[in-house]
Amino acid sequence: MRPRQAPDIPHRVLVVAPYPPVRDGIGAYAVQQVRNLRRAGHDVEVLSPVPSAAHHHAELRGPAGAATVARLGARFDRVIVHFHPDVVYHLPPTAGARVSTGLSYGLAFRRLRHVELRLHEIDHRWADPSDPTARASRFMLRGADLVTVHSGEQRDHLVDGFGMPVDRVRLVDHGADFTARTTADRERARSSLGIDGDEHVFLCIGFVQPHKGFDRAARAFAGLGSRGARLDIVGSARVTDQATRDHVTELRAIAAREPGVALHLGFVSDEMFDRWIVASDTVVLPYRHIWSSSVAERAALLDRPVIATRVGGLAHQVEAMAGAVLVDDNAGLARALGAAVGRAAETAPLAMWPVGTGDDTEGSTVNRGVIQAEIEARATAARGGVPSARTWSAGGATPALSASVRRVSPLRAAAPVSARPGVSVVKRLIHRVIAWELMPITDQVNRLQRATADALDRAEATGDVAPEAPTADQGGETRDRG
């Protein structure tokens, strides 16, 4: 058994994490930890996956990354690894990659004197005993002397799911190393950002990714712009995959049509990040999934209430914060936003559908054409289009002209993965060689698709184009326009 190093005496420490000026939330977290470690007297160096202000940089993904951590970490008394799957696994993480990476990092950790994993995120499904990669994940985690997490739920899952010894999992305050990065008060912050002092400002801030759910907040905000409120979505896209590009396009479309919603795309400095929070009245965390949130901690540090979804460890993180409101779904989010500006949300239950007769089956009170049109209108709005306002003479709304165009899935390059050993490596190499040629083509095709759908919506909304009579596959039956 290797000797354990006491963390409270001066040591040579290697911190493994993304690092500024790289635009990464984990990097912003790590730089504050490094500062505090140095204040405590430790000699600290940093290893980052890309060139940065860190002392060392190297690719950290896969077995080669594990070998680098083991080789460099041998010179230090402690190694603190800020663990996130995106940092250590090749993406997307196939079963074979998870096994080879897990085993390699598990061996690397066992070679070092003292390893702490600051666990920012890990897929809960990887603990499933039926998953053939579960043993490799457990082997990797158990190779660390200490695993630190930010919520009791995360700690319980590591112990119960991954089988970590309870004495090697420690709960740490997410904001323990955080300090305010702005001196501006609310009035000065709003003045510098061009915000009216009387508006109720909701803020979604951080990297723009689908799982952050900023689109949920924008939809829940509907109608509040006329009540003296605004929603500012602030941040940049951390990754540039097709899903994120589509999500950014969706946010642009919502902001363009929803009064009071503003999208501010671009990386913000630490000071500007805090200035936005100070300028806000309520910070909104509408995440679809997350382990814990640095934004929640900064909101608490700067004394701003939060509205958050009850996902992952977020509920445990924010429930003790003053003024925090937890919601379970989109309807609850809309009610919470409405309550924050002093009114009840006017949200129609999803189960309420328009009724009709005429073409419906005998005894039915629900018009199938209206239901179909409503489904298509919601799908069109979700993709950033304008729902059709036209109606059939029988009383049901027509499908939007753009519906068939928007139903076509965006063009995406195939993921460079394979279940056959070694093939994924070859595919990734090929992908790197040809990606610069393929991405502009796929992007252009997708832009043309969106432009065509938007043009159809605009033409239909202004009456420049009359929709064709619906066929059997557009409404369940052919109707006579008379």
Protein backbone atom coordinates (compact mmCIF):
# COMPACT_ATOMS: atom_id res chain seq x y z
CA MET A 1 0.00 0.00 0.00
CA ARG A 2 1.52 3.32 -1.03
CA PRO A 3 1.96 5.94 1.71
CA ARG A 4 -0.82 8.51 1.96
CA GLN A 5 0.26 12.14 1.84
CA ALA A 6 -1.39 14.52 4.28
CA PRO A 7 -2.92 17.32 2.22
CA ASP A 8 -2.57 20.01 4.90
CA ILE A 9 1.23 20.32 4.89
CA PRO A 10 3.25 22.01 2.11
CA HIS A 11 3.74 19.76 -0.90
CA ARG A 12 4.61 19.85 -4.54
CA VAL A 13 1.22 19.64 -6.21
CA LEU A 14 0.30 18.95 -9.84
CA VAL A 15 -3.17 20.11 -10.87
CA VAL A 16 -4.49 18.44 -14.04
CA ALA A 17 -7.23 20.53 -15.67
CA PRO A 18 -8.13 22.84 -18.55
CA TYR A 19 -6.65 26.23 -17.76
CA PRO A 20 -7.00 29.90 -18.79
CA PRO A 21 -6.90 31.52 -21.23
CA VAL A 22 -8.73 28.43 -22.53
CA ARG A 23 -12.44 29.23 -22.31
CA ASP A 24 -13.60 26.50 -20.01
CA GLY A 25 -15.67 26.50 -16.81
CA ILE A 26 -13.49 23.82 -15.23
CA GLY A 27 -10.45 25.94 -16.04
CA ALA A 28 -11.99 28.94 -14.26
CA TYR A 29 -12.66 26.69 -11.28
CA ALA A 30 -9.12 25.26 -11.33
CA VAL A 31 -7.36 28.63 -11.42
CA GLN A 32 -9.08 29.65 -8.19
CA GLN A 33 -8.09 26.38 -6.54
CA VAL A 34 -4.47 26.85 -7.66
CA ARG A 35 -4.45 30.34 -6.18
CA ASN A 36 -5.67 29.09 -2.81
CA LEU A 37 -3.21 26.19 -2.77
CA ARG A 38 -0.35 28.60 -3.32
CA ARG A 39 -1.63 30.85 -0.55
CA ALA A 40 -1.51 27.80 1.72
CA GLY A 41 2.18 27.39 0.93
CA HIS A 42 2.08 24.60 -1.65
CA ASP A 43 4.33 24.56 -4.71
CA VAL A 44 1.82 24.14 -7.55
CA GLU A 45 2.21 23.39 -11.24
CA VAL A 46 -0.55 22.79 -13.78
CA LEU A 47 -0.94 20.29 -16.62
CA SER A 48 -3.58 21.22 -19.20
CA PRO A 49 -4.77 19.40 -22.35
CA VAL A 50 -4.02 22.34 -24.68
CA PRO A 51 -1.46 25.18 -24.70
CA SER A 52 -2.40 27.70 -22.03
CA ALA A 53 -0.99 29.54 -19.02
CA ALA A 54 -0.32 26.12 -17.46
CA HIS A 55 3.26 24.95 -16.94
CA HIS A 56 2.72 21.78 -19.01
CA HIS A 57 0.32 20.78 -21.72
CA ALA A 58 -0.36 17.43 -23.37
CA GLU A 59 -3.24 15.39 -24.78
CA LEU A 60 -4.99 13.81 -21.79
CA ARG A 61 -7.44 11.53 -23.61
CA GLY A 62 -7.00 7.77 -23.68
CA PRO A 63 -4.09 5.56 -22.60
CA ALA A 64 -1.51 8.04 -23.91
CA GLY A 65 -2.97 10.75 -21.66
CA ALA A 66 -2.87 8.40 -18.67
CA ALA A 67 0.80 7.64 -19.38
CA THR A 68 1.56 11.38 -19.46
CA VAL A 69 -0.15 11.97 -16.10
CA ALA A 70 1.76 9.04 -14.57
CA ARG A 71 5.12 10.17 -15.93
CA LEU A 72 4.78 13.83 -14.96
CA GLY A 73 2.89 13.17 -11.71
CA ALA A 74 5.73 11.01 -10.38
CA ARG A 75 7.66 14.24 -9.66
CA PHE A 76 4.98 15.54 -7.28
CA ASP A 77 3.71 14.70 -3.81
CA ARG A 78 0.06 15.20 -4.78
CA VAL A 79 -1.81 15.08 -8.05
CA ILE A 80 -5.25 16.69 -8.29
CA VAL A 81 -7.16 15.64 -11.40
CA HIS A 82 -10.22 17.70 -12.35
CA PHE A 83 -12.14 14.84 -13.87
CA HIS A 84 -14.68 15.30 -16.65
CA PRO A 85 -15.37 12.67 -19.34
CA ASP A 86 -14.70 15.21 -22.10
CA VAL A 87 -11.17 15.70 -20.77
CA VAL A 88 -10.02 12.06 -20.47
CA TYR A 89 -12.12 10.09 -23.00
CA HIS A 90 -12.06 10.24 -26.77
CA LEU A 91 -15.44 11.48 -27.97
CA PRO A 92 -17.83 9.89 -28.34
CA PRO A 93 -16.64 7.46 -25.63
CA THR A 94 -17.19 4.00 -27.09
CA ALA A 95 -17.23 0.89 -24.89
CA GLY A 96 -13.74 -0.06 -26.04
CA ALA A 97 -12.40 3.43 -25.35
CA ARG A 98 -13.94 3.48 -21.86
CA VAL A 99 -12.32 0.16 -21.02
CA SER A 100 -8.84 1.07 -22.29
CA THR A 101 -8.96 4.57 -20.80
CA GLY A 102 -10.35 3.40 -17.45
CA LEU A 103 -7.75 0.68 -17.05
CA SER A 104 -4.91 3.00 -18.11
CA TYR A 105 -5.88 5.78 -15.72
CA GLY A 106 -6.50 3.29 -12.93
CA LEU A 107 -2.94 1.97 -13.32
CA ALA A 108 -1.54 5.51 -13.58
CA PHE A 109 -3.25 6.61 -10.35
CA ARG A 110 -1.86 3.58 -8.50
CA ARG A 111 1.68 4.54 -9.51
CA LEU A 112 1.46 8.00 -7.94
CA ARG A 113 1.95 9.00 -4.30
CA HIS A 114 -1.42 10.65 -3.68
CA VAL A 115 -4.19 11.25 -6.21
CA GLU A 116 -7.31 13.31 -5.67
CA LEU A 117 -10.08 13.23 -8.27
CA ARG A 118 -12.16 16.40 -8.19
CA LEU A 119 -15.15 14.82 -9.91
CA HIS A 120 -17.12 17.33 -11.97
CA GLU A 121 -19.20 14.79 -13.89
CA ILE A 122 -19.43 11.09 -14.71
CA ASP A 123 -22.17 9.11 -16.43
CA HIS A 124 -24.25 7.30 -13.79
CA ARG A 125 -24.95 4.53 -16.31
CA TRP A 126 -21.30 3.51 -16.22
CA ALA A 127 -21.91 2.02 -12.77
CA ASP A 128 -24.48 -0.46 -14.14
CA PRO A 129 -23.19 -4.00 -13.43
CA SER A 130 -24.64 -5.13 -16.78
CA ASP A 131 -22.38 -2.63 -18.58
CA PRO A 132 -19.17 -4.44 -19.60
CA THR A 133 -17.21 -1.21 -19.03
CA ALA A 134 -18.34 -0.84 -15.39
CA ARG A 135 -15.36 -2.73 -13.97
CA ALA A 136 -12.93 -0.45 -15.79
CA SER A 137 -14.72 2.64 -14.44
CA ARG A 138 -14.60 1.27 -10.89
CA PHE A 139 -10.93 0.34 -11.31
CA MET A 140 -10.12 3.90 -12.35
CA LEU A 141 -12.05 5.57 -9.51
CA ARG A 142 -10.66 3.21 -6.86
CA GLY A 143 -7.15 4.03 -8.02
CA ALA A 144 -7.51 7.47 -6.44
CA ASP A 145 -6.72 8.04 -2.77
CA LEU A 146 -9.51 10.60 -2.52
CA VAL A 147 -12.53 11.51 -4.64
CA THR A 148 -14.09 14.90 -3.88
CA VAL A 149 -17.61 15.84 -4.98
CA HIS A 150 -20.01 18.72 -4.41
CA SER A 151 -23.24 17.06 -3.30
CA GLY A 152 -24.46 14.28 -1.06
CA GLU A 153 -26.20 12.67 -4.02
CA GLN A 154 -22.92 12.41 -5.89
CA ARG A 155 -21.20 10.96 -2.83
CA ASP A 156 -23.95 8.37 -2.31
CA HIS A 157 -23.82 7.34 -5.96
CA LEU A 158 -20.05 6.82 -5.86
CA VAL A 159 -20.37 4.66 -2.76
CA ASP A 160 -23.50 2.71 -3.73
CA GLY A 161 -23.10 2.65 -7.50
CA PHE A 162 -19.36 2.55 -8.15
CA GLY A 163 -18.43 0.81 -4.91
CA MET A 164 -16.04 3.48 -3.66
CA PRO A 165 -14.97 3.07 0.01
CA VAL A 166 -16.95 5.61 2.00
CA ASP A 167 -13.83 6.95 3.75
CA ARG A 168 -12.29 7.89 0.38
CA VAL A 169 -15.18 10.04 -0.84
CA ARG A 170 -15.33 13.55 0.58
CA LEU A 171 -17.92 16.26 0.20
CA VAL A 172 -16.43 19.71 -0.52
CA ASP A 173 -18.11 23.07 -0.86
CA HIS A 174 -18.36 23.86 -4.56
CA GLY A 175 -17.69 27.52 -3.88
CA ALA A 176 -14.97 27.06 -1.28
CA ASP A 177 -12.32 28.65 -3.52
CA PHE A 178 -14.59 31.28 -5.08
CA THR A 179 -14.12 35.02 -4.63
CA ALA A 180 -16.02 37.92 -6.20
CA ARG A 181 -14.39 39.17 -9.39
CA THR A 182 -16.20 42.50 -9.76
CA THR A 183 -16.49 45.59 -7.58
CA ALA A 184 -19.52 46.96 -9.43
CA ASP A 185 -22.81 47.34 -7.57
CA ARG A 186 -26.21 46.70 -9.20
CA GLU A 187 -26.61 50.25 -10.51
CA ARG A 188 -23.13 50.45 -12.02
CA ALA A 189 -23.37 46.95 -13.47
CA ARG A 190 -26.69 47.74 -15.17
CA SER A 191 -25.47 51.05 -16.49
CA SER A 192 -22.40 49.42 -18.06
CA LEU A 193 -24.54 46.72 -19.70
CA GLY A 194 -27.23 49.11 -20.97
CA ILE A 195 -30.00 47.68 -18.78
CA ASP A 196 -32.92 49.76 -17.54
CA GLY A 197 -32.80 50.02 -13.77
CA ASP A 198 -36.51 49.20 -13.40
CA GLU A 199 -36.58 45.97 -15.43
CA HIS A 200 -36.69 42.59 -13.75
CA VAL A 201 -33.68 40.82 -15.25
CA PHE A 202 -33.59 37.04 -15.56
CA LEU A 203 -30.16 35.69 -16.43
CA CYS A 204 -29.00 32.44 -18.03
CA ILE A 205 -25.21 32.49 -18.18
CA GLY A 206 -22.49 30.00 -19.00
CA PHE A 207 -21.43 27.89 -21.93
CA VAL A 208 -24.25 27.45 -24.43
CA GLN A 209 -24.98 23.73 -24.78
CA PRO A 210 -28.23 21.81 -25.26
CA HIS A 211 -28.10 20.23 -21.79
CA LYS A 212 -28.03 23.70 -20.19
CA GLY A 213 -31.66 24.18 -21.31
CA PHE A 214 -31.49 27.91 -21.98
CA ASP A 215 -34.16 27.37 -24.63
CA ARG A 216 -36.49 26.12 -21.88
CA ALA A 217 -36.09 29.39 -20.02
CA ALA A 218 -36.71 31.41 -23.19
CA ARG A 219 -39.98 29.58 -23.86
CA ALA A 220 -41.08 29.77 -20.23
CA PHE A 221 -40.42 33.54 -20.34
CA ALA A 222 -43.06 34.04 -23.09
CA GLY A 223 -45.29 37.04 -22.34
CA LEU A 224 -43.19 38.45 -19.52
CA GLY A 225 -41.49 41.00 -21.78
CA SER A 226 -44.67 43.08 -21.74
CA ARG A 227 -44.65 42.96 -17.94
CA GLY A 228 -41.38 44.84 -17.51
CA ALA A 229 -39.06 41.82 -17.52
CA ARG A 230 -36.21 40.66 -19.72
CA LEU A 231 -34.22 37.45 -20.13
CA ASP A 232 -30.55 37.70 -21.05
CA ILE A 233 -28.78 34.56 -22.29
CA VAL A 234 -25.04 35.13 -22.01
CA GLY A 235 -22.20 32.82 -23.01
CA SER A 236 -20.32 31.09 -25.79
CA ALA A 237 -20.44 27.62 -27.28
CA ARG A 238 -17.88 25.42 -25.57
CA VAL A 239 -17.98 22.78 -28.29
CA THR A 240 -18.74 23.16 -31.98
CA ASP A 241 -20.52 19.92 -32.83
CA GLN A 242 -23.65 19.91 -34.97
CA ALA A 243 -26.00 19.58 -31.99
CA THR A 244 -24.58 22.73 -30.41
CA ARG A 245 -24.70 24.66 -33.68
CA ASP A 246 -28.35 23.67 -34.11
CA HIS A 247 -29.03 24.72 -30.51
CA VAL A 248 -27.48 28.15 -31.08
CA THR A 249 -29.64 28.57 -34.20
CA GLU A 250 -32.70 27.67 -32.15
CA LEU A 251 -31.83 30.25 -29.48
CA ARG A 252 -31.34 32.93 -32.14
CA ALA A 253 -34.78 32.17 -33.57
CA ILE A 254 -36.48 32.32 -30.16
CA ALA A 255 -34.74 35.59 -29.27
CA ALA A 256 -35.77 37.08 -32.63
CA ARG A 257 -39.47 36.42 -32.10
CA GLU A 258 -39.88 36.70 -28.30
CA PRO A 259 -39.96 40.28 -26.93
CA GLY A 260 -37.65 40.69 -23.96
CA VAL A 261 -35.32 37.78 -24.78
CA ALA A 262 -31.76 38.81 -25.71
CA LEU A 263 -28.96 36.48 -26.77
CA HIS A 264 -25.38 37.64 -26.08
CA LEU A 265 -23.05 35.14 -27.72
CA GLY A 266 -19.36 35.36 -26.89
CA PHE A 267 -16.96 34.45 -24.13
CA VAL A 268 -17.09 36.73 -21.08
CA SER A 269 -14.25 37.38 -18.68
CA ASP A 270 -14.47 36.45 -15.00
CA GLU A 271 -15.19 40.09 -14.12
CA MET A 272 -17.88 40.42 -16.80
CA PHE A 273 -19.40 37.11 -15.71
CA ASP A 274 -19.87 38.41 -12.17
CA ARG A 275 -21.02 41.81 -13.43
CA TRP A 276 -23.89 40.15 -15.31
CA ILE A 277 -24.91 38.30 -12.15
CA VAL A 278 -24.81 41.51 -10.08
CA ALA A 279 -26.94 43.25 -12.72
CA SER A 280 -29.58 40.50 -12.62
CA ASP A 281 -32.53 40.00 -10.29
CA THR A 282 -32.85 36.24 -10.74
CA VAL A 283 -30.38 33.69 -12.10
CA VAL A 284 -32.12 30.88 -14.01
CA LEU A 285 -30.59 27.38 -14.18
CA PRO A 286 -32.97 25.41 -16.44
CA TYR A 287 -30.58 22.49 -16.89
CA ARG A 288 -31.68 19.19 -18.38
CA HIS A 289 -28.92 17.30 -16.58
CA ILE A 290 -25.88 18.31 -14.53
CA TRP A 291 -24.00 17.20 -11.43
CA SER A 292 -23.41 20.61 -9.93
CA SER A 293 -23.20 24.22 -11.05
CA SER A 294 -20.51 26.84 -10.58
CA VAL A 295 -23.05 29.45 -11.72
CA ALA A 296 -25.24 28.59 -8.72
CA GLU A 297 -22.27 29.12 -6.41
CA ARG A 298 -21.41 32.46 -7.97
CA ALA A 299 -25.05 33.56 -7.65
CA ALA A 300 -24.96 32.68 -3.95
CA LEU A 301 -21.62 34.46 -3.53
CA LEU A 302 -23.10 37.61 -5.10
CA ASP A 303 -26.43 37.29 -3.24
CA ARG A 304 -28.72 36.61 -6.19
CA PRO A 305 -31.63 34.14 -5.96
CA VAL A 306 -31.84 31.26 -8.40
CA ILE A 307 -34.59 29.31 -10.13
CA ALA A 308 -33.30 25.83 -10.92
CA THR A 309 -34.55 22.53 -12.25
CA ARG A 310 -34.48 19.53 -9.92
CA VAL A 311 -31.83 17.49 -11.76
CA GLY A 312 -28.66 15.68 -10.72
CA GLY A 313 -27.05 17.17 -7.64
CA LEU A 314 -28.36 20.64 -8.42
CA ALA A 315 -31.30 20.36 -6.02
CA HIS A 316 -29.00 19.48 -3.12
CA GLN A 317 -26.67 22.30 -4.10
CA VAL A 318 -29.22 25.12 -4.23
CA GLU A 319 -31.93 24.08 -1.76
CA ALA A 320 -30.16 25.80 1.14
CA MET A 321 -29.54 29.01 -0.82
CA ALA A 322 -31.65 32.00 0.18
CA GLY A 323 -34.53 32.61 -2.21
CA ALA A 324 -33.86 29.51 -4.32
CA VAL A 325 -36.83 27.98 -6.17
CA LEU A 326 -36.73 24.40 -7.52
CA VAL A 327 -38.97 23.31 -10.39
CA ASP A 328 -39.69 19.91 -11.89
CA ASP A 329 -40.81 20.72 -15.43
CA ASN A 330 -41.35 23.45 -18.01
CA ALA A 331 -44.74 24.41 -16.61
CA GLY A 332 -43.19 24.84 -13.17
CA LEU A 333 -40.42 26.94 -14.69
CA ALA A 334 -42.98 29.25 -16.32
CA ARG A 335 -44.84 29.60 -13.02
CA ALA A 336 -41.63 30.41 -11.15
CA LEU A 337 -40.62 33.08 -13.67
CA GLY A 338 -44.09 34.60 -13.51
CA ALA A 339 -44.06 34.60 -9.72
CA ALA A 340 -40.68 36.33 -9.70
CA VAL A 341 -42.17 39.33 -11.52
CA GLY A 342 -45.31 39.28 -9.42
CA ARG A 343 -47.91 37.46 -11.45
CA ALA A 344 -49.17 33.92 -11.90
CA ALA A 345 -48.00 32.25 -15.07
CA GLU A 346 -50.68 31.89 -17.69
CA THR A 347 -49.80 28.37 -18.77
CA ALA A 348 -52.43 26.25 -20.55
CA PRO A 349 -52.40 22.57 -19.56
CA LEU A 350 -50.98 20.44 -22.32
CA ALA A 351 -53.95 18.08 -22.10
CA MET A 352 -56.43 20.77 -23.21
CA TRP A 353 -57.11 20.46 -26.95
CA PRO A 354 -59.56 22.36 -29.20
CA VAL A 355 -62.78 20.48 -29.88
CA GLY A 356 -64.82 20.19 -33.03
CA THR A 357 -67.30 18.08 -34.96
CA GLY A 358 -68.03 17.71 -38.64
CA ASP A 359 -65.22 15.50 -39.95
CA ASP A 360 -64.58 13.69 -36.66
CA THR A 361 -65.72 10.16 -36.07
CA GLU A 362 -69.18 9.79 -34.63
CA GLY A 363 -69.35 10.58 -30.93
CA SER A 364 -65.88 12.19 -30.81
CA THR A 365 -65.48 15.68 -29.38
CA VAL A 366 -61.87 16.19 -30.49
CA ASN A 367 -60.97 17.45 -33.95
CA ARG A 368 -58.10 15.32 -35.22
CA GLY A 369 -57.03 17.94 -37.73
CA VAL A 370 -56.67 20.56 -35.01
CA ILE A 371 -54.61 18.17 -32.89
CA GLN A 372 -52.32 17.36 -35.81
CA ALA A 373 -51.90 21.04 -36.64
CA GLU A 374 -51.08 21.84 -33.00
CA ILE A 375 -48.45 19.10 -32.90
CA GLU A 376 -46.85 20.39 -36.08
CA ALA A 377 -47.01 23.99 -34.89
CA ARG A 378 -45.19 23.09 -31.67
CA ALA A 379 -42.60 21.09 -33.57
CA THR A 380 -42.09 24.00 -35.99
CA ALA A 381 -41.66 26.45 -33.10
CA ALA A 382 -39.22 24.09 -31.39
CA ARG A 383 -37.08 24.10 -34.54
CA GLY A 384 -37.11 27.88 -34.76
CA GLY A 385 -39.84 28.37 -37.35
CA VAL A 386 -43.08 30.35 -37.33
CA PRO A 387 -46.22 28.24 -36.87
CA SER A 388 -48.77 28.48 -39.67
CA ALA A 389 -51.84 30.63 -39.03
CA ARG A 390 -53.94 29.31 -41.96
CA THR A 391 -57.04 27.17 -41.46
CA TRP A 392 -58.99 24.66 -43.41
CA SER A 393 -62.55 25.54 -44.29
CA ALA A 394 -63.66 22.71 -41.99
CA GLY A 395 -62.10 24.52 -39.06
CA GLY A 396 -58.72 22.80 -38.62
CA ALA A 397 -55.37 24.54 -39.07
CA THR A 398 -53.24 23.58 -42.04
CA PRO A 399 -49.78 22.15 -41.53
CA ALA A 400 -47.11 24.80 -42.04
CA LEU A 401 -45.66 24.84 -45.54
CA SER A 402 -42.24 24.32 -43.98
CA ALA A 403 -43.31 21.23 -42.01
CA SER A 404 -41.99 18.70 -44.52
CA VAL A 405 -38.68 20.58 -44.81
CA ARG A 406 -38.20 20.80 -41.06
CA ARG A 407 -38.95 17.12 -40.63
CA VAL A 408 -35.74 16.31 -42.50
CA SER A 409 -33.00 15.64 -39.95
CA PRO A 410 -29.92 17.90 -40.13
CA LEU A 411 -27.02 16.46 -42.12
CA ARG A 412 -24.32 15.15 -39.80
CA ALA A 413 -21.11 13.29 -40.43
CA ALA A 414 -21.12 9.74 -39.10
CA ALA A 415 -19.47 9.34 -35.69
CA PRO A 416 -15.93 7.90 -36.07
CA VAL A 417 -16.63 4.87 -33.88
CA SER A 418 -16.82 1.12 -34.27
CA ALA A 419 -17.44 -1.89 -32.05
CA ARG A 420 -14.50 -3.69 -33.66
CA PRO A 421 -11.18 -3.33 -31.79
CA GLY A 422 -8.85 -0.79 -33.34
CA VAL A 423 -11.27 0.41 -36.01
CA SER A 424 -12.33 3.45 -33.98
CA VAL A 425 -8.72 4.68 -33.96
CA VAL A 426 -8.51 4.43 -37.74
CA LYS A 427 -11.86 6.17 -38.18
CA ARG A 428 -10.81 9.02 -35.87
CA LEU A 429 -7.62 9.53 -37.88
CA ILE A 430 -9.59 9.62 -41.13
CA HIS A 431 -12.11 11.98 -39.55
CA ARG A 432 -9.36 14.40 -38.53
CA VAL A 433 -7.91 14.36 -42.04
CA ILE A 434 -11.17 15.04 -43.90
CA ALA A 435 -13.24 16.95 -41.30
CA TRP A 436 -12.05 20.35 -42.56
CA GLU A 437 -13.48 19.47 -46.00
CA LEU A 438 -16.76 17.90 -44.81
CA MET A 439 -17.84 20.36 -42.11
CA PRO A 440 -18.30 23.37 -44.43
CA ILE A 441 -20.44 21.18 -46.72
CA THR A 442 -22.69 19.86 -43.94
CA ASP A 443 -22.99 23.34 -42.43
CA GLN A 444 -23.99 24.83 -45.79
CA VAL A 445 -26.58 22.11 -46.45
CA ASN A 446 -28.12 22.65 -43.00
CA ARG A 447 -28.15 26.43 -43.46
CA LEU A 448 -29.91 26.02 -46.80
CA GLN A 449 -32.49 23.74 -45.18
CA ARG A 450 -33.19 26.26 -42.40
CA ALA A 451 -33.28 29.18 -44.86
CA THR A 452 -35.77 27.33 -47.08
CA ALA A 453 -38.03 26.52 -44.13
CA ASP A 454 -37.85 30.09 -42.82
CA ALA A 455 -38.63 31.50 -46.28
CA LEU A 456 -41.70 29.26 -46.55
CA ASP A 457 -42.88 30.39 -43.11
CA ARG A 458 -42.45 34.07 -43.99
CA ALA A 459 -44.20 33.65 -47.34
CA GLU A 460 -47.13 31.86 -45.74
CA ALA A 461 -47.40 34.37 -42.90
CA THR A 462 -47.60 37.29 -45.35
CA GLY A 463 -49.96 35.50 -47.73
CA ASP A 464 -47.50 35.49 -50.64
CA VAL A 465 -47.93 31.74 -51.12
CA ALA A 466 -51.09 29.74 -50.73
CA PRO A 467 -50.61 26.29 -49.16
CA GLU A 468 -51.53 23.33 -51.29
CA ALA A 469 -54.55 21.26 -50.35
CA PRO A 470 -53.51 18.75 -47.69
CA THR A 471 -53.20 15.15 -48.72
CA ALA A 472 -53.94 12.05 -46.72
CA ASP A 473 -50.51 12.03 -45.09
CA GLN A 474 -50.86 15.66 -43.90
CA GLY A 475 -53.98 15.39 -41.83
CA GLY A 476 -55.21 11.85 -41.85
CA GLU A 477 -57.77 12.48 -44.64
CA THR A 478 -58.27 14.62 -47.78
CA ARG A 479 -60.45 17.70 -47.30
CA ASP A 480 -62.32 19.79 -49.84
CA ARG A 481 -61.49 23.49 -49.67
CA GLY A 482 -64.78 24.35 -51.39
